[in-house]
Every structure is written in structure tokens, then in C-alpha cells.
Amino acid sequence: MLNKNWREERNALVVKRNLLFKNFEAHPMNISLVHAIKKIDDQIVVCEEQLGKEHAASRR
């Protein structure tokens, strides 16, 4: 069974990222939003990698 914590954390990060991106669309010159979005994207990737590892381990 997949660890719900990774999935929940990923979902929470996606919500935060989407809110920041909407704000960025309204204010495209705000570079700090770009950095915040990039940081969250990196955290999402970590969660997805962990989910992938757990999924692969559960298939063995």
C-alpha cells in the first residue's frame, strides 16, 4: 500500500503551487513568485519519486 503521507504532502504542495501560479499570472514581473514556485516544484518531484519507489516496491 502506498504511503498516504507522500500523496497528501504532494497534493498540499500542488494546491500551494497553483495559488502562487495564479498570483504570478496576475503579476508576471514578481520574480520572488518564480523562485517560490520552483522550490515547490522541486518538493513535488521528491514526493513523486518517493511514491514511485513505494509503488515499485509494492509490486514485488
C-alpha atoms as a PDB file:
ATOM      1  CA  MET A   1       0.000   0.000   0.000  1.00  0.00           C
ATOM      2  CA  LEU A   2       1.276   3.462  -0.896  1.00  0.00           C
ATOM      3  CA  ASN A   3       2.197   5.788   1.920  1.00  0.00           C
ATOM      4  CA  LYS A   4      -0.616   8.335   2.221  1.00  0.00           C
ATOM      5  CA  ASN A   5       1.742  10.912   3.743  1.00  0.00           C
ATOM      6  CA  TRP A   6       3.671  11.365   0.479  1.00  0.00           C
ATOM      7  CA  ARG A   7       0.460  11.623  -1.508  1.00  0.00           C
ATOM      8  CA  GLU A   8      -1.082  14.087   0.959  1.00  0.00           C
ATOM      9  CA  GLU A   9       2.057  16.209   1.024  1.00  0.00           C
ATOM     10  CA  ARG A  10       2.217  16.221  -2.783  1.00  0.00           C
ATOM     11  CA  ASN A  11      -1.438  17.270  -3.010  1.00  0.00           C
ATOM     12  CA  ALA A  12      -0.913  20.089  -0.492  1.00  0.00           C
ATOM     13  CA  LEU A  13       2.131  21.302  -2.425  1.00  0.00           C
ATOM     14  CA  VAL A  14       0.201  21.263  -5.707  1.00  0.00           C
ATOM     15  CA  VAL A  15      -2.511  23.434  -4.156  1.00  0.00           C
ATOM     16  CA  LYS A  16       0.099  25.926  -2.901  1.00  0.00           C
ATOM     17  CA  ARG A  17       1.841  25.928  -6.287  1.00  0.00           C
ATOM     18  CA  ASN A  18      -1.382  26.562  -8.167  1.00  0.00           C
ATOM     19  CA  LEU A  19      -2.251  29.511  -5.925  1.00  0.00           C
ATOM     20  CA  LEU A  20       1.212  31.003  -6.416  1.00  0.00           C
ATOM     21  CA  PHE A  21       0.982  30.479 -10.165  1.00  0.00           C
ATOM     22  CA  LYS A  22      -2.355  32.299 -10.360  1.00  0.00           C
ATOM     23  CA  ASN A  23      -0.766  35.164  -8.465  1.00  0.00           C
ATOM     24  CA  PHE A  24       2.225  35.056 -10.833  1.00  0.00           C
ATOM     25  CA  GLU A  25      -0.085  35.258 -13.867  1.00  0.00           C
ATOM     26  CA  ALA A  26      -1.536  38.444 -12.419  1.00  0.00           C
ATOM     27  CA  HIS A  27       1.935  39.832 -11.560  1.00  0.00           C
ATOM     28  CA  PRO A  28       4.458  38.330 -14.010  1.00  0.00           C
ATOM     29  CA  MET A  29       7.227  40.735 -13.012  1.00  0.00           C
ATOM     30  CA  ASN A  30       7.286  39.390  -9.447  1.00  0.00           C
ATOM     31  CA  ILE A  31      10.422  37.227  -9.596  1.00  0.00           C
ATOM     32  CA  SER A  32      10.059  36.091  -5.992  1.00  0.00           C
ATOM     33  CA  LEU A  33       6.960  34.164  -7.055  1.00  0.00           C
ATOM     34  CA  VAL A  34       9.008  32.340  -9.685  1.00  0.00           C
ATOM     35  CA  HIS A  35      11.512  31.258  -7.044  1.00  0.00           C
ATOM     36  CA  ALA A  36       8.756  30.114  -4.692  1.00  0.00           C
ATOM     37  CA  ILE A  37       7.076  28.118  -7.480  1.00  0.00           C
ATOM     38  CA  LYS A  38      10.405  26.487  -8.429  1.00  0.00           C
ATOM     39  CA  LYS A  39      11.063  25.493  -4.814  1.00  0.00           C
ATOM     40  CA  ILE A  40       7.617  23.897  -4.549  1.00  0.00           C
ATOM     41  CA  ASP A  41       8.083  22.147  -7.911  1.00  0.00           C
ATOM     42  CA  ASP A  42      11.286  20.591  -6.559  1.00  0.00           C
ATOM     43  CA  GLN A  43       9.441  19.389  -3.447  1.00  0.00           C
ATOM     44  CA  ILE A  44       6.681  17.902  -5.618  1.00  0.00           C
ATOM     45  CA  VAL A  45       9.288  15.967  -7.586  1.00  0.00           C
ATOM     46  CA  VAL A  46      10.688  14.489  -4.367  1.00  0.00           C
ATOM     47  CA  CYS A  47       7.217  13.354  -3.320  1.00  0.00           C
ATOM     48  CA  GLU A  48       6.573  11.818  -6.740  1.00  0.00           C
ATOM     49  CA  GLU A  49       9.899   9.976  -6.628  1.00  0.00           C
ATOM     50  CA  GLN A  50       9.044   8.547  -3.218  1.00  0.00           C
ATOM     51  CA  LEU A  51       5.597   7.498  -4.412  1.00  0.00           C
ATOM     52  CA  GLY A  52       7.203   5.829  -7.428  1.00  0.00           C
ATOM     53  CA  LYS A  53       9.657   3.925  -5.232  1.00  0.00           C
ATOM     54  CA  GLU A  54       6.895   2.760  -2.922  1.00  0.00           C
ATOM     55  CA  HIS A  55       4.743   1.742  -5.860  1.00  0.00           C
ATOM     56  CA  ALA A  56       7.605  -0.259  -7.364  1.00  0.00           C
ATOM     57  CA  ALA A  57       8.333  -1.916  -4.019  1.00  0.00           C
ATOM     58  CA  SER A  58       4.687  -2.874  -3.553  1.00  0.00           C
ATOM     59  CA  ARG A  59       4.639  -4.601  -6.965  1.00  0.00           C
ATOM     60  CA  ARG A  60       7.401  -7.034  -5.976  1.00  0.00           C
END
